[in-house]
Amino acid sequence: MADSALANLDVLEEKITKAAEQIERLRKERSALEELNKELKQQMEKLYTRNEALQRELETLSNERQRSHASEQTREEIKNKIEEMLAKLEGLDI
């Protein structure tokens, strides 16, 4: 009977040891995951900031392109008017 009680204690001790090892392993995994989560949050923040900067740059470039297009139209109108005036002057035969 004493032998079976000792055997039961040995089994219990083994189970407790395994449980303690598993708890330690899970703590280390949790710690590693928390660190990874922290790093990922920092990367997300950097990407978010970079995205905002790129959106502002895109808006600036879009505005510049619109101004450039408007200037090109104005230049084309001026060119056409000058050509019309030159044609009229040639028609006057001065």
C-alpha atoms as a PDB file:
ATOM      1  CA  MET A   1       0.000   0.000   0.000  1.00  0.00           C
ATOM      2  CA  ALA A   2       2.876   2.339   0.770  1.00  0.00           C
ATOM      3  CA  ASP A   3       4.359   1.500  -2.621  1.00  0.00           C
ATOM      4  CA  SER A   4       1.136   2.445  -4.454  1.00  0.00           C
ATOM      5  CA  ALA A   5       0.888   5.689  -2.460  1.00  0.00           C
ATOM      6  CA  LEU A   6       4.480   6.531  -3.441  1.00  0.00           C
ATOM      7  CA  ALA A   7       3.721   5.631  -7.043  1.00  0.00           C
ATOM      8  CA  ASN A   8       0.684   7.918  -6.941  1.00  0.00           C
ATOM      9  CA  LEU A   9       2.833  10.695  -5.476  1.00  0.00           C
ATOM     10  CA  ASP A  10       5.416  10.148  -8.217  1.00  0.00           C
ATOM     11  CA  VAL A  11       2.700  10.407 -10.885  1.00  0.00           C
ATOM     12  CA  LEU A  12       1.301  13.506  -9.222  1.00  0.00           C
ATOM     13  CA  GLU A  13       4.786  15.046  -9.011  1.00  0.00           C
ATOM     14  CA  GLU A  14       5.378  14.305 -12.709  1.00  0.00           C
ATOM     15  CA  LYS A  15       2.040  15.894 -13.648  1.00  0.00           C
ATOM     16  CA  ILE A  16       2.795  18.969 -11.535  1.00  0.00           C
ATOM     17  CA  THR A  17       6.259  19.259 -13.096  1.00  0.00           C
ATOM     18  CA  LYS A  18       4.809  19.003 -16.601  1.00  0.00           C
ATOM     19  CA  ALA A  19       2.123  21.559 -15.742  1.00  0.00           C
ATOM     20  CA  ALA A  20       4.735  23.953 -14.355  1.00  0.00           C
ATOM     21  CA  GLU A  21       6.874  23.528 -17.484  1.00  0.00           C
ATOM     22  CA  GLN A  22       3.870  24.135 -19.701  1.00  0.00           C
ATOM     23  CA  ILE A  23       2.929  27.245 -17.708  1.00  0.00           C
ATOM     24  CA  GLU A  24       6.485  28.572 -18.088  1.00  0.00           C
ATOM     25  CA  ARG A  25       6.468  27.842 -21.824  1.00  0.00           C
ATOM     26  CA  LEU A  26       3.121  29.601 -22.215  1.00  0.00           C
ATOM     27  CA  ARG A  27       4.407  32.639 -20.296  1.00  0.00           C
ATOM     28  CA  LYS A  28       7.419  32.863 -22.602  1.00  0.00           C
ATOM     29  CA  GLU A  29       5.177  32.526 -25.654  1.00  0.00           C
ATOM     30  CA  ARG A  30       2.847  35.229 -24.318  1.00  0.00           C
ATOM     31  CA  SER A  31       5.808  37.517 -23.666  1.00  0.00           C
ATOM     32  CA  ALA A  32       7.146  36.922 -27.182  1.00  0.00           C
ATOM     33  CA  LEU A  33       3.698  37.572 -28.675  1.00  0.00           C
ATOM     34  CA  GLU A  34       3.305  40.770 -26.676  1.00  0.00           C
ATOM     35  CA  GLU A  35       6.674  41.980 -27.954  1.00  0.00           C
ATOM     36  CA  LEU A  36       5.745  41.074 -31.521  1.00  0.00           C
ATOM     37  CA  ASN A  37       2.409  42.848 -31.102  1.00  0.00           C
ATOM     38  CA  LYS A  38       4.212  45.963 -29.866  1.00  0.00           C
ATOM     39  CA  GLU A  39       6.558  45.908 -32.865  1.00  0.00           C
ATOM     40  CA  LEU A  40       3.650  45.425 -35.271  1.00  0.00           C
ATOM     41  CA  LYS A  41       1.790  48.363 -33.728  1.00  0.00           C
ATOM     42  CA  GLN A  42       4.869  50.539 -34.193  1.00  0.00           C
ATOM     43  CA  GLN A  43       5.178  49.434 -37.815  1.00  0.00           C
ATOM     44  CA  MET A  44       1.489  50.162 -38.381  1.00  0.00           C
ATOM     45  CA  GLU A  45       1.906  53.641 -36.924  1.00  0.00           C
ATOM     46  CA  LYS A  46       4.878  54.300 -39.215  1.00  0.00           C
ATOM     47  CA  LEU A  47       2.904  53.056 -42.224  1.00  0.00           C
ATOM     48  CA  TYR A  48      -0.085  55.170 -41.234  1.00  0.00           C
ATOM     49  CA  THR A  49       2.114  58.260 -40.944  1.00  0.00           C
ATOM     50  CA  ARG A  50       3.794  57.479 -44.286  1.00  0.00           C
ATOM     51  CA  ASN A  51       0.396  56.945 -45.895  1.00  0.00           C
ATOM     52  CA  GLU A  52      -0.788  60.349 -44.686  1.00  0.00           C
ATOM     53  CA  ALA A  53       2.348  61.980 -46.096  1.00  0.00           C
ATOM     54  CA  LEU A  54       1.868  60.226 -49.443  1.00  0.00           C
ATOM     55  CA  GLN A  55      -1.780  61.306 -49.564  1.00  0.00           C
ATOM     56  CA  ARG A  56      -0.751  64.935 -48.998  1.00  0.00           C
ATOM     57  CA  GLU A  57       1.916  64.618 -51.691  1.00  0.00           C
ATOM     58  CA  LEU A  58      -0.579  63.076 -54.112  1.00  0.00           C
ATOM     59  CA  GLU A  59      -3.030  65.895 -53.450  1.00  0.00           C
ATOM     60  CA  THR A  60      -0.291  68.475 -54.061  1.00  0.00           C
ATOM     61  CA  LEU A  61       0.740  66.786 -57.316  1.00  0.00           C
ATOM     62  CA  SER A  62      -2.877  66.566 -58.439  1.00  0.00           C
ATOM     63  CA  ASN A  63      -3.372  70.278 -57.752  1.00  0.00           C
ATOM     64  CA  GLU A  64      -0.180  71.112 -59.625  1.00  0.00           C
ATOM     65  CA  ARG A  65      -1.299  68.990 -62.582  1.00  0.00           C
ATOM     66  CA  GLN A  66      -4.644  70.811 -62.665  1.00  0.00           C
ATOM     67  CA  ARG A  67      -2.873  74.187 -62.602  1.00  0.00           C
ATOM     68  CA  SER A  68      -0.502  73.020 -65.317  1.00  0.00           C
ATOM     69  CA  HIS A  69      -3.395  71.841 -67.448  1.00  0.00           C
ATOM     70  CA  ALA A  70      -5.180  75.180 -66.956  1.00  0.00           C
ATOM     71  CA  SER A  71      -1.981  77.036 -67.901  1.00  0.00           C
ATOM     72  CA  GLU A  72      -1.601  74.876 -70.998  1.00  0.00           C
ATOM     73  CA  GLN A  73      -5.157  75.712 -72.032  1.00  0.00           C
ATOM     74  CA  THR A  74      -4.488  79.407 -71.489  1.00  0.00           C
ATOM     75  CA  ARG A  75      -1.298  79.208 -73.564  1.00  0.00           C
ATOM     76  CA  GLU A  76      -3.176  77.420 -76.336  1.00  0.00           C
ATOM     77  CA  GLU A  77      -5.882  80.110 -76.320  1.00  0.00           C
ATOM     78  CA  ILE A  78      -3.256  82.863 -76.482  1.00  0.00           C
ATOM     79  CA  LYS A  79      -1.462  81.065 -79.323  1.00  0.00           C
ATOM     80  CA  ASN A  80      -4.708  80.743 -81.279  1.00  0.00           C
ATOM     81  CA  LYS A  81      -5.545  84.430 -80.788  1.00  0.00           C
ATOM     82  CA  ILE A  82      -2.056  85.480 -81.900  1.00  0.00           C
ATOM     83  CA  GLU A  83      -2.365  83.279 -84.984  1.00  0.00           C
ATOM     84  CA  GLU A  84      -5.772  84.857 -85.740  1.00  0.00           C
ATOM     85  CA  MET A  85      -4.306  88.361 -85.354  1.00  0.00           C
ATOM     86  CA  LEU A  86      -1.341  87.494 -87.585  1.00  0.00           C
ATOM     87  CA  ALA A  87      -3.706  86.075 -90.191  1.00  0.00           C
ATOM     88  CA  LYS A  88      -5.751  89.284 -90.071  1.00  0.00           C
ATOM     89  CA  LEU A  89      -2.578  91.382 -90.390  1.00  0.00           C
ATOM     90  CA  GLU A  90      -1.490  89.349 -93.406  1.00  0.00           C
ATOM     91  CA  GLY A  91      -4.931  89.837 -94.890  1.00  0.00           C
ATOM     92  CA  LEU A  92      -4.579  93.622 -94.557  1.00  0.00           C
ATOM     93  CA  ASP A  93      -1.579  93.535 -96.895  1.00  0.00           C
ATOM     94  CA  ILE A  94       0.277  96.351 -95.151  1.00  0.00           C
END
